[in-house]
């Protein structure tokens, strides 16, 4: 009987030790299982959301910037969008900008005002800023890029850049200081 009690207590000890080891292993591998599960079954991240957040930050920065001030901010566009700015007296732009052929039209809400637009880029046409998904914000000042090779503010897709923003009495000057293409 004593032998059976010893076997029983030793068996119980092994069971407890086994459960403790199992719990430790489970705690250690749970993050890996969770990550694998999310990679396999999670929805794709909406990359357009981050681009729209950069655009909103730019518009907010310009709105809050006082006359005679300047600032710099990081700006990023994914492959589906471009950033375009217009002077008050400019309704469209047709030509080449940063080695890209463009046909851009200012939206009606910006007539007679300077404007900054986040426009969806189509790979099948050179026309941009004409779809419902485009977002534009009008300003009482001209929006320009004095360092641009085409005379308008234009930031091409799939890029991260530092924008220098200067605001004076007549214009908002937005220059791209350095740009780097995003890795796909």
N, C-alpha and C. Protein backbone atom coordinates (compact mmCIF):
# COMPACT_ATOMS: atom_id res chain seq x y z
N UNK A 1 0.82 -1.18 0.00
CA UNK A 1 0.00 0.00 0.00
C UNK A 1 0.87 1.26 0.00
N UNK A 2 1.98 1.15 0.76
CA UNK A 2 2.89 2.27 0.79
C UNK A 2 3.48 2.52 -0.58
N UNK A 3 3.76 1.44 -1.29
CA UNK A 3 4.35 1.55 -2.62
C UNK A 3 3.37 2.23 -3.57
N UNK A 4 2.09 1.89 -3.45
CA UNK A 4 1.08 2.51 -4.31
C UNK A 4 0.93 4.00 -4.01
N UNK A 5 1.03 4.38 -2.78
CA UNK A 5 0.91 5.79 -2.40
C UNK A 5 2.10 6.57 -2.95
N UNK A 6 3.29 5.95 -2.89
CA UNK A 6 4.47 6.62 -3.44
C UNK A 6 4.35 6.79 -4.95
N UNK A 7 3.86 5.74 -5.63
CA UNK A 7 3.68 5.83 -7.08
C UNK A 7 2.63 6.89 -7.43
N UNK A 8 1.57 6.94 -6.63
CA UNK A 8 0.51 7.90 -6.87
C UNK A 8 1.00 9.33 -6.66
N UNK A 9 1.77 9.57 -5.60
CA UNK A 9 2.26 10.93 -5.37
C UNK A 9 3.33 11.32 -6.39
N UNK A 10 4.14 10.37 -6.80
CA UNK A 10 5.13 10.66 -7.82
C UNK A 10 4.46 10.92 -9.17
N UNK A 11 3.40 10.20 -9.45
CA UNK A 11 2.65 10.42 -10.68
C UNK A 11 1.96 11.79 -10.66
N UNK A 12 1.44 12.18 -9.52
CA UNK A 12 0.81 13.49 -9.39
C UNK A 12 1.86 14.60 -9.55
N UNK A 13 3.03 14.38 -9.02
CA UNK A 13 4.12 15.36 -9.15
C UNK A 13 4.53 15.54 -10.60
N UNK A 14 4.61 14.41 -11.32
CA UNK A 14 4.95 14.49 -12.75
C UNK A 14 3.86 15.21 -13.53
N UNK A 15 2.62 14.99 -13.18
CA UNK A 15 1.50 15.65 -13.86
C UNK A 15 1.57 17.16 -13.63
N UNK A 16 1.82 17.58 -12.39
CA UNK A 16 1.92 19.00 -12.08
C UNK A 16 3.11 19.61 -12.82
N UNK A 17 4.24 18.93 -12.82
CA UNK A 17 5.42 19.44 -13.52
C UNK A 17 5.14 19.55 -15.02
N UNK A 18 4.44 18.57 -15.57
CA UNK A 18 4.08 18.60 -16.98
C UNK A 18 3.17 19.77 -17.31
N UNK A 19 2.20 20.02 -16.43
CA UNK A 19 1.29 21.15 -16.65
C UNK A 19 2.03 22.49 -16.57
N UNK A 20 2.97 22.61 -15.63
CA UNK A 20 3.75 23.84 -15.51
C UNK A 20 4.59 24.06 -16.77
N UNK A 21 5.24 23.02 -17.26
CA UNK A 21 6.05 23.14 -18.48
C UNK A 21 5.16 23.49 -19.67
N UNK A 22 3.99 22.84 -19.76
CA UNK A 22 3.06 23.14 -20.85
C UNK A 22 2.64 24.61 -20.81
N UNK A 23 2.34 25.15 -19.62
CA UNK A 23 1.92 26.54 -19.48
C UNK A 23 3.04 27.49 -19.90
N UNK A 24 4.28 27.18 -19.53
CA UNK A 24 5.41 28.02 -19.91
C UNK A 24 5.59 28.03 -21.42
N UNK A 25 5.54 26.87 -22.03
CA UNK A 25 5.68 26.77 -23.49
C UNK A 25 4.54 27.52 -24.18
N UNK A 26 3.33 27.37 -23.67
CA UNK A 26 2.17 28.05 -24.26
C UNK A 26 2.34 29.58 -24.19
N UNK A 27 2.81 30.08 -23.06
CA UNK A 27 3.04 31.52 -22.91
C UNK A 27 4.12 32.00 -23.88
N UNK A 28 5.13 31.20 -24.09
CA UNK A 28 6.23 31.59 -24.98
C UNK A 28 5.85 31.58 -26.45
N UNK A 29 4.99 30.66 -26.87
CA UNK A 29 4.67 30.57 -28.30
C UNK A 29 3.40 31.31 -28.69
N UNK A 30 2.61 31.77 -27.73
CA UNK A 30 1.36 32.48 -28.05
C UNK A 30 1.60 33.70 -28.94
N UNK A 31 2.58 34.57 -28.67
CA UNK A 31 2.79 35.72 -29.56
C UNK A 31 3.11 35.30 -31.00
N UNK A 32 3.88 34.26 -31.17
CA UNK A 32 4.21 33.79 -32.53
C UNK A 32 2.97 33.27 -33.23
N UNK A 33 2.15 32.53 -32.50
CA UNK A 33 0.90 32.00 -33.09
C UNK A 33 -0.03 33.15 -33.44
N UNK A 34 -0.13 34.13 -32.55
CA UNK A 34 -0.99 35.28 -32.79
C UNK A 34 -0.55 36.06 -34.02
N UNK A 35 0.75 36.28 -34.16
CA UNK A 35 1.29 37.01 -35.33
C UNK A 35 1.03 36.24 -36.62
N UNK A 36 1.25 34.93 -36.59
CA UNK A 36 1.01 34.10 -37.78
C UNK A 36 -0.47 34.14 -38.15
N UNK A 37 -1.34 34.06 -37.17
CA UNK A 37 -2.78 34.10 -37.41
C UNK A 37 -3.18 35.43 -38.06
N UNK A 38 -2.64 36.54 -37.53
CA UNK A 38 -3.00 37.85 -38.09
C UNK A 38 -2.45 38.03 -39.51
N UNK A 39 -1.27 37.49 -39.78
CA UNK A 39 -0.73 37.59 -41.13
C UNK A 39 -1.54 36.78 -42.13
N UNK A 40 -2.03 35.64 -41.69
CA UNK A 40 -2.79 34.77 -42.58
C UNK A 40 -4.21 35.25 -42.82
N UNK A 41 -4.85 35.78 -41.79
CA UNK A 41 -6.28 36.04 -41.89
C UNK A 41 -6.69 37.49 -41.72
N UNK A 42 -5.76 38.40 -41.45
CA UNK A 42 -6.11 39.82 -41.26
C UNK A 42 -6.37 40.48 -42.60
N UNK A 43 -7.20 41.54 -42.56
CA UNK A 43 -7.46 42.32 -43.77
C UNK A 43 -6.24 43.16 -44.08
N UNK A 44 -6.08 43.52 -45.37
CA UNK A 44 -4.97 44.37 -45.78
C UNK A 44 -5.09 45.74 -45.13
N UNK A 45 -3.97 46.32 -44.73
CA UNK A 45 -3.95 47.64 -44.13
C UNK A 45 -4.28 48.67 -45.21
N UNK A 46 -5.06 49.66 -44.85
CA UNK A 46 -5.45 50.71 -45.79
C UNK A 46 -4.32 51.73 -45.87
N UNK A 47 -3.46 51.59 -46.91
CA UNK A 47 -2.31 52.49 -47.04
C UNK A 47 -2.75 53.90 -47.44
N UNK A 48 -3.95 54.05 -47.99
CA UNK A 48 -4.41 55.38 -48.34
C UNK A 48 -4.71 56.20 -47.09
N UNK A 49 -4.99 55.53 -45.98
CA UNK A 49 -5.29 56.24 -44.74
C UNK A 49 -4.10 57.07 -44.28
N UNK A 50 -2.89 56.50 -44.31
CA UNK A 50 -1.72 57.25 -43.86
C UNK A 50 -1.44 58.44 -44.79
N UNK A 51 -1.64 58.26 -46.09
CA UNK A 51 -1.46 59.37 -47.03
C UNK A 51 -2.45 60.49 -46.72
N UNK A 52 -3.68 60.14 -46.44
CA UNK A 52 -4.69 61.15 -46.11
C UNK A 52 -4.35 61.86 -44.79
N UNK A 53 -3.75 61.15 -43.85
CA UNK A 53 -3.34 61.76 -42.59
C UNK A 53 -2.21 62.77 -42.81
N UNK A 54 -1.25 62.45 -43.70
CA UNK A 54 -0.18 63.40 -44.03
C UNK A 54 -0.78 64.66 -44.67
N UNK A 55 -1.75 64.48 -45.55
CA UNK A 55 -2.41 65.60 -46.22
C UNK A 55 -3.13 66.48 -45.19
N UNK A 56 -3.87 65.86 -44.30
CA UNK A 56 -4.59 66.60 -43.26
C UNK A 56 -3.61 67.38 -42.39
N UNK A 57 -2.48 66.78 -42.05
CA UNK A 57 -1.46 67.46 -41.26
C UNK A 57 -0.91 68.67 -42.02
N UNK A 58 -0.69 68.53 -43.32
CA UNK A 58 -0.20 69.65 -44.14
C UNK A 58 -1.20 70.80 -44.14
N UNK A 59 -2.47 70.51 -44.38
CA UNK A 59 -3.51 71.54 -44.42
C UNK A 59 -3.63 72.22 -43.05
N UNK A 60 -3.62 71.44 -41.98
CA UNK A 60 -3.69 72.01 -40.63
C UNK A 60 -2.49 72.92 -40.34
N UNK A 61 -1.30 72.48 -40.77
CA UNK A 61 -0.09 73.27 -40.56
C UNK A 61 -0.19 74.60 -41.29
N UNK A 62 -0.65 74.58 -42.53
CA UNK A 62 -0.79 75.81 -43.32
C UNK A 62 -1.82 76.74 -42.68
N UNK A 63 -2.93 76.18 -42.24
CA UNK A 63 -3.99 76.98 -41.64
C UNK A 63 -3.50 77.68 -40.37
N UNK A 64 -2.69 76.98 -39.57
CA UNK A 64 -2.22 77.53 -38.30
C UNK A 64 -0.98 78.42 -38.45
N UNK A 65 -0.31 78.33 -39.60
CA UNK A 65 0.92 79.08 -39.82
C UNK A 65 0.61 80.58 -39.93
N UNK A 66 1.32 81.38 -39.19
CA UNK A 66 1.11 82.83 -39.21
C UNK A 66 1.85 83.45 -40.39
N UNK A 67 1.35 84.58 -40.86
CA UNK A 67 1.97 85.31 -41.97
C UNK A 67 3.42 85.64 -41.62
N UNK A 68 4.32 85.39 -42.56
CA UNK A 68 5.74 85.64 -42.37
C UNK A 68 6.48 84.49 -41.71
N UNK A 69 5.79 83.38 -41.47
CA UNK A 69 6.40 82.23 -40.80
C UNK A 69 6.74 81.14 -41.81
N UNK A 70 7.61 80.25 -41.35
CA UNK A 70 7.92 79.07 -42.16
C UNK A 70 8.13 77.88 -41.25
N UNK A 71 7.93 76.71 -41.82
CA UNK A 71 8.09 75.46 -41.08
C UNK A 71 8.45 74.34 -42.05
N UNK A 72 8.85 73.23 -41.51
CA UNK A 72 9.13 72.03 -42.31
C UNK A 72 8.36 70.86 -41.72
N UNK A 73 7.89 69.98 -42.59
CA UNK A 73 7.23 68.79 -42.12
C UNK A 73 7.46 67.62 -43.07
N UNK A 74 7.45 66.45 -42.50
CA UNK A 74 7.60 65.22 -43.27
C UNK A 74 6.29 64.93 -43.98
N UNK A 75 6.38 64.53 -45.25
CA UNK A 75 5.18 64.23 -46.04
C UNK A 75 5.43 62.97 -46.84
N UNK A 76 4.43 62.10 -46.90
CA UNK A 76 4.58 60.84 -47.63
C UNK A 76 3.33 60.56 -48.45
N UNK A 77 3.55 60.09 -49.66
CA UNK A 77 2.46 59.69 -50.55
C UNK A 77 2.66 58.24 -50.97
N UNK A 78 1.59 57.46 -50.91
CA UNK A 78 1.71 56.11 -51.45
C UNK A 78 1.57 56.17 -52.97
N UNK A 79 1.55 55.04 -53.61
CA UNK A 79 1.57 54.98 -55.07
C UNK A 79 0.24 55.39 -55.72
N UNK A 80 -0.81 55.61 -54.93
CA UNK A 80 -2.12 55.91 -55.50
C UNK A 80 -2.47 57.40 -55.55
N UNK A 81 -1.60 58.27 -55.01
CA UNK A 81 -1.95 59.68 -54.89
C UNK A 81 -0.83 60.59 -55.36
N UNK A 82 -1.22 61.82 -55.72
CA UNK A 82 -0.28 62.91 -55.97
C UNK A 82 -0.79 64.13 -55.20
N UNK A 83 0.11 65.06 -54.92
CA UNK A 83 -0.25 66.31 -54.27
C UNK A 83 -0.06 67.42 -55.30
N UNK A 84 -1.09 68.27 -55.45
CA UNK A 84 -1.06 69.34 -56.44
C UNK A 84 -1.53 70.63 -55.79
N UNK A 85 -0.87 71.75 -56.13
CA UNK A 85 -1.28 73.05 -55.63
C UNK A 85 -1.46 74.03 -56.78
N UNK A 86 -2.44 74.94 -56.64
CA UNK A 86 -2.77 75.90 -57.68
C UNK A 86 -2.74 77.33 -57.14
N UNK A 87 -2.41 78.27 -58.02
CA UNK A 87 -2.56 79.69 -57.72
C UNK A 87 -4.04 80.06 -57.82
N UNK A 88 -4.40 81.24 -57.31
CA UNK A 88 -5.81 81.68 -57.35
C UNK A 88 -6.31 81.83 -58.79
N UNK A 89 -5.45 82.35 -59.67
CA UNK A 89 -5.87 82.63 -61.05
C UNK A 89 -5.67 81.44 -62.00
N UNK A 90 -5.28 80.31 -61.48
CA UNK A 90 -4.98 79.14 -62.32
C UNK A 90 -6.11 78.12 -62.21
N UNK A 91 -6.66 77.72 -63.36
CA UNK A 91 -7.74 76.73 -63.37
C UNK A 91 -7.26 75.34 -63.72
N UNK A 92 -6.09 75.25 -64.39
CA UNK A 92 -5.60 73.95 -64.82
C UNK A 92 -4.11 74.02 -65.12
N UNK A 93 -3.53 72.87 -65.32
CA UNK A 93 -2.14 72.78 -65.76
C UNK A 93 -2.05 71.61 -66.72
N UNK A 94 -1.39 71.83 -67.83
CA UNK A 94 -1.16 70.78 -68.81
C UNK A 94 0.30 70.88 -69.25
N UNK A 95 1.05 69.82 -69.05
CA UNK A 95 2.46 69.83 -69.41
C UNK A 95 3.23 68.78 -68.65
N UNK A 96 4.53 68.97 -68.59
CA UNK A 96 5.40 68.02 -67.93
C UNK A 96 5.89 68.60 -66.60
N UNK A 97 5.87 67.78 -65.58
CA UNK A 97 6.33 68.20 -64.26
C UNK A 97 7.09 67.02 -63.64
N UNK A 98 8.33 67.25 -63.27
CA UNK A 98 9.19 66.20 -62.72
C UNK A 98 9.20 64.96 -63.63
N UNK A 99 9.32 65.23 -64.91
CA UNK A 99 9.37 64.18 -65.94
C UNK A 99 8.10 63.34 -66.03
N UNK A 100 6.97 63.89 -65.58
CA UNK A 100 5.68 63.21 -65.68
C UNK A 100 4.74 64.11 -66.46
N UNK A 101 4.09 63.56 -67.47
CA UNK A 101 3.13 64.30 -68.27
C UNK A 101 1.81 64.41 -67.50
N UNK A 102 1.33 65.65 -67.34
CA UNK A 102 0.14 65.89 -66.52
C UNK A 102 -0.92 66.68 -67.27
N UNK A 103 -2.15 66.43 -66.90
CA UNK A 103 -3.28 67.26 -67.27
C UNK A 103 -4.12 67.37 -66.00
N UNK A 104 -4.00 68.51 -65.30
CA UNK A 104 -4.61 68.68 -63.99
C UNK A 104 -5.61 69.82 -64.05
N UNK A 105 -6.80 69.60 -63.48
CA UNK A 105 -7.83 70.64 -63.43
C UNK A 105 -8.18 70.94 -61.98
N UNK A 106 -8.32 72.23 -61.66
CA UNK A 106 -8.72 72.65 -60.32
C UNK A 106 -10.19 72.34 -60.12
N UNK A 107 -10.52 71.86 -58.94
CA UNK A 107 -11.92 71.55 -58.64
C UNK A 107 -12.73 72.83 -58.42
N UNK A 108 -14.04 72.74 -58.65
CA UNK A 108 -14.92 73.90 -58.57
C UNK A 108 -14.87 74.60 -57.21
N UNK A 109 -14.73 73.85 -56.14
CA UNK A 109 -14.72 74.46 -54.80
C UNK A 109 -13.54 75.41 -54.60
N UNK A 110 -12.55 75.33 -55.49
CA UNK A 110 -11.37 76.18 -55.38
C UNK A 110 -11.35 77.34 -56.36
N UNK A 111 -12.43 77.54 -57.14
CA UNK A 111 -12.45 78.63 -58.11
C UNK A 111 -12.16 79.97 -57.45
N UNK A 112 -11.19 80.69 -58.03
CA UNK A 112 -10.82 82.00 -57.53
C UNK A 112 -9.98 81.99 -56.26
N UNK A 113 -9.55 80.80 -55.84
CA UNK A 113 -8.75 80.67 -54.63
C UNK A 113 -7.54 79.79 -54.90
N UNK A 114 -6.53 79.94 -54.06
CA UNK A 114 -5.42 79.00 -54.10
C UNK A 114 -5.93 77.67 -53.57
N UNK A 115 -5.28 76.59 -53.97
CA UNK A 115 -5.84 75.29 -53.63
C UNK A 115 -4.74 74.25 -53.50
N UNK A 116 -4.90 73.35 -52.54
CA UNK A 116 -4.04 72.18 -52.41
C UNK A 116 -4.94 70.95 -52.50
N UNK A 117 -4.58 70.05 -53.40
CA UNK A 117 -5.40 68.86 -53.62
C UNK A 117 -4.58 67.58 -53.46
N UNK A 118 -5.20 66.61 -52.82
CA UNK A 118 -4.67 65.25 -52.77
C UNK A 118 -5.51 64.47 -53.77
N UNK A 119 -4.87 64.10 -54.88
CA UNK A 119 -5.62 63.51 -56.00
C UNK A 119 -5.23 62.06 -56.21
N UNK A 120 -6.25 61.25 -56.52
CA UNK A 120 -5.99 59.86 -56.87
C UNK A 120 -5.33 59.82 -58.24
N UNK A 121 -4.31 59.00 -58.34
CA UNK A 121 -3.56 58.88 -59.59
C UNK A 121 -4.05 57.64 -60.32
N UNK A 122 -4.33 57.79 -61.58
CA UNK A 122 -4.72 56.66 -62.41
C UNK A 122 -3.53 56.25 -63.26
N UNK A 123 -3.27 54.97 -63.34
CA UNK A 123 -2.14 54.51 -64.16
C UNK A 123 -2.51 54.45 -65.63
N UNK A 124 -3.79 54.63 -65.95
CA UNK A 124 -4.21 54.51 -67.34
C UNK A 124 -4.40 55.84 -68.04
N UNK A 125 -4.32 56.93 -67.30
CA UNK A 125 -4.52 58.23 -67.92
C UNK A 125 -3.61 59.26 -67.26
N UNK A 126 -3.28 60.30 -67.99
CA UNK A 126 -2.44 61.36 -67.41
C UNK A 126 -3.30 62.42 -66.72
N UNK A 127 -4.62 62.33 -66.84
CA UNK A 127 -5.50 63.29 -66.19
C UNK A 127 -5.64 62.95 -64.71
N UNK A 128 -5.44 63.94 -63.87
CA UNK A 128 -5.62 63.73 -62.44
C UNK A 128 -6.44 64.85 -61.84
N UNK A 129 -6.89 64.67 -60.64
CA UNK A 129 -7.72 65.62 -59.90
C UNK A 129 -9.11 65.76 -60.48
N UNK A 130 -9.65 64.69 -61.01
CA UNK A 130 -11.00 64.74 -61.56
C UNK A 130 -11.93 63.71 -60.98
N UNK A 131 -11.50 62.95 -59.97
CA UNK A 131 -12.37 61.90 -59.44
C UNK A 131 -13.00 62.30 -58.12
N UNK A 132 -14.01 61.55 -57.71
CA UNK A 132 -14.73 61.83 -56.47
C UNK A 132 -13.85 61.64 -55.23
N UNK A 133 -12.83 60.81 -55.33
CA UNK A 133 -11.96 60.53 -54.19
C UNK A 133 -10.94 61.62 -53.90
N UNK A 134 -10.87 62.63 -54.76
CA UNK A 134 -9.90 63.71 -54.57
C UNK A 134 -10.36 64.64 -53.45
N UNK A 135 -9.41 65.13 -52.69
CA UNK A 135 -9.70 66.04 -51.59
C UNK A 135 -8.96 67.34 -51.85
N UNK A 136 -9.68 68.46 -51.84
CA UNK A 136 -9.06 69.76 -52.07
C UNK A 136 -9.44 70.72 -50.95
N UNK A 137 -8.50 71.60 -50.63
CA UNK A 137 -8.74 72.64 -49.64
C UNK A 137 -8.38 73.99 -50.22
N UNK A 138 -9.35 74.91 -50.28
CA UNK A 138 -9.09 76.25 -50.81
C UNK A 138 -8.44 77.16 -49.77
N UNK A 139 -7.63 78.10 -50.24
CA UNK A 139 -6.98 79.10 -49.41
C UNK A 139 -7.14 80.45 -50.09
N UNK A 140 -7.13 81.52 -49.32
CA UNK A 140 -7.24 82.87 -49.86
C UNK A 140 -5.95 83.33 -50.53
N UNK A 141 -4.87 82.56 -50.36
CA UNK A 141 -3.56 82.90 -50.94
C UNK A 141 -3.23 81.94 -52.09
N UNK A 142 -2.32 82.39 -52.97
CA UNK A 142 -1.81 81.50 -54.01
C UNK A 142 -1.04 80.36 -53.35
N UNK A 143 -1.13 79.16 -53.92
CA UNK A 143 -0.32 78.03 -53.49
C UNK A 143 0.65 77.74 -54.62
N UNK A 144 1.95 77.85 -54.32
CA UNK A 144 2.97 77.69 -55.35
C UNK A 144 4.14 76.87 -54.83
N UNK A 145 4.98 76.47 -55.73
CA UNK A 145 6.28 75.87 -55.42
C UNK A 145 7.29 76.65 -56.26
N UNK A 146 7.98 77.59 -55.64
CA UNK A 146 8.91 78.46 -56.38
C UNK A 146 10.12 77.71 -56.91
N UNK A 147 10.37 76.50 -56.44
CA UNK A 147 11.52 75.73 -56.91
C UNK A 147 11.12 74.65 -57.91
N UNK A 148 9.87 74.60 -58.28
CA UNK A 148 9.37 73.58 -59.20
C UNK A 148 9.83 73.84 -60.63
N UNK A 149 10.04 72.77 -61.37
CA UNK A 149 10.43 72.89 -62.77
C UNK A 149 9.23 73.18 -63.68
N UNK A 150 8.01 73.15 -63.12
CA UNK A 150 6.83 73.34 -63.96
C UNK A 150 5.92 74.48 -63.49
N UNK A 151 6.29 75.15 -62.40
CA UNK A 151 5.51 76.31 -61.97
C UNK A 151 4.32 76.01 -61.09
N UNK A 152 4.08 74.74 -60.75
CA UNK A 152 3.00 74.41 -59.82
C UNK A 152 3.57 73.53 -58.70
N UNK A 153 2.81 73.44 -57.63
CA UNK A 153 3.16 72.48 -56.59
C UNK A 153 2.76 71.10 -57.08
N UNK A 154 3.71 70.21 -57.13
CA UNK A 154 3.42 68.83 -57.54
C UNK A 154 4.37 67.90 -56.80
N UNK A 155 3.79 66.97 -56.06
CA UNK A 155 4.58 65.92 -55.40
C UNK A 155 4.11 64.60 -55.98
N UNK A 156 5.05 63.91 -56.62
CA UNK A 156 4.70 62.68 -57.33
C UNK A 156 4.44 61.53 -56.36
N UNK A 157 3.82 60.47 -56.85
CA UNK A 157 3.45 59.34 -55.98
C UNK A 157 4.65 58.52 -55.51
N UNK A 158 4.38 57.73 -54.46
CA UNK A 158 5.33 56.76 -53.92
C UNK A 158 6.61 57.43 -53.44
N UNK A 159 6.44 58.49 -52.64
CA UNK A 159 7.59 59.27 -52.22
C UNK A 159 7.44 59.72 -50.77
N UNK A 160 8.56 59.87 -50.11
CA UNK A 160 8.60 60.53 -48.80
C UNK A 160 9.52 61.73 -48.96
N UNK A 161 9.08 62.88 -48.44
CA UNK A 161 9.82 64.12 -48.64
C UNK A 161 9.66 65.04 -47.43
N UNK A 162 10.55 65.99 -47.32
CA UNK A 162 10.40 67.05 -46.33
C UNK A 162 9.89 68.28 -47.08
N UNK A 163 8.76 68.81 -46.64
CA UNK A 163 8.19 70.00 -47.27
C UNK A 163 8.53 71.23 -46.44
N UNK A 164 9.07 72.24 -47.09
CA UNK A 164 9.30 73.54 -46.46
C UNK A 164 8.12 74.42 -46.83
N UNK A 165 7.40 74.90 -45.83
CA UNK A 165 6.20 75.70 -46.05
C UNK A 165 6.46 77.11 -45.53
N UNK A 166 6.28 78.10 -46.43
CA UNK A 166 6.44 79.51 -46.07
C UNK A 166 5.15 80.23 -46.42
N UNK A 167 4.68 81.07 -45.51
CA UNK A 167 3.43 81.80 -45.73
C UNK A 167 3.70 83.29 -45.60
N UNK A 168 3.33 84.05 -46.64
CA UNK A 168 3.44 85.50 -46.56
C UNK A 168 2.10 86.13 -46.94
N UNK A 169 2.09 87.43 -47.26
CA UNK A 169 0.84 88.14 -47.52
C UNK A 169 0.09 87.65 -48.75
N UNK A 170 0.83 87.17 -49.76
CA UNK A 170 0.18 86.84 -51.03
C UNK A 170 0.25 85.35 -51.42
N UNK A 171 1.12 84.59 -50.74
CA UNK A 171 1.29 83.21 -51.21
C UNK A 171 1.67 82.25 -50.08
N UNK A 172 1.40 81.00 -50.36
CA UNK A 172 1.88 79.87 -49.57
C UNK A 172 2.86 79.14 -50.48
N UNK A 173 4.12 79.17 -50.11
CA UNK A 173 5.17 78.55 -50.93
C UNK A 173 5.54 77.21 -50.28
N UNK A 174 5.35 76.13 -51.02
CA UNK A 174 5.65 74.79 -50.51
C UNK A 174 6.71 74.17 -51.41
N UNK A 175 7.89 73.94 -50.85
CA UNK A 175 9.01 73.36 -51.59
C UNK A 175 9.39 72.01 -51.01
N UNK A 176 9.70 71.09 -51.90
CA UNK A 176 10.19 69.78 -51.48
C UNK A 176 11.70 69.88 -51.31
N UNK A 177 12.18 69.73 -50.06
CA UNK A 177 13.60 69.88 -49.79
C UNK A 177 14.41 68.66 -50.17
N UNK A 178 13.90 67.51 -49.86
CA UNK A 178 14.58 66.25 -50.24
C UNK A 178 13.51 65.18 -50.38
N UNK A 179 13.71 64.33 -51.33
CA UNK A 179 12.72 63.29 -51.60
C UNK A 179 13.41 61.96 -51.73
N UNK A 180 12.67 60.93 -51.36
CA UNK A 180 13.17 59.57 -51.51
C UNK A 180 12.00 58.69 -51.90
N UNK A 181 12.21 57.86 -52.91
CA UNK A 181 11.16 56.95 -53.34
C UNK A 181 10.97 55.86 -52.31
N UNK A 182 9.70 55.54 -52.05
CA UNK A 182 9.37 54.51 -51.07
C UNK A 182 9.63 53.13 -51.66
N UNK A 183 10.07 52.20 -50.83
CA UNK A 183 10.27 50.82 -51.27
C UNK A 183 8.91 50.14 -51.38
N UNK A 184 8.75 49.33 -52.39
CA UNK A 184 7.47 48.61 -52.56
C UNK A 184 7.46 47.33 -51.81
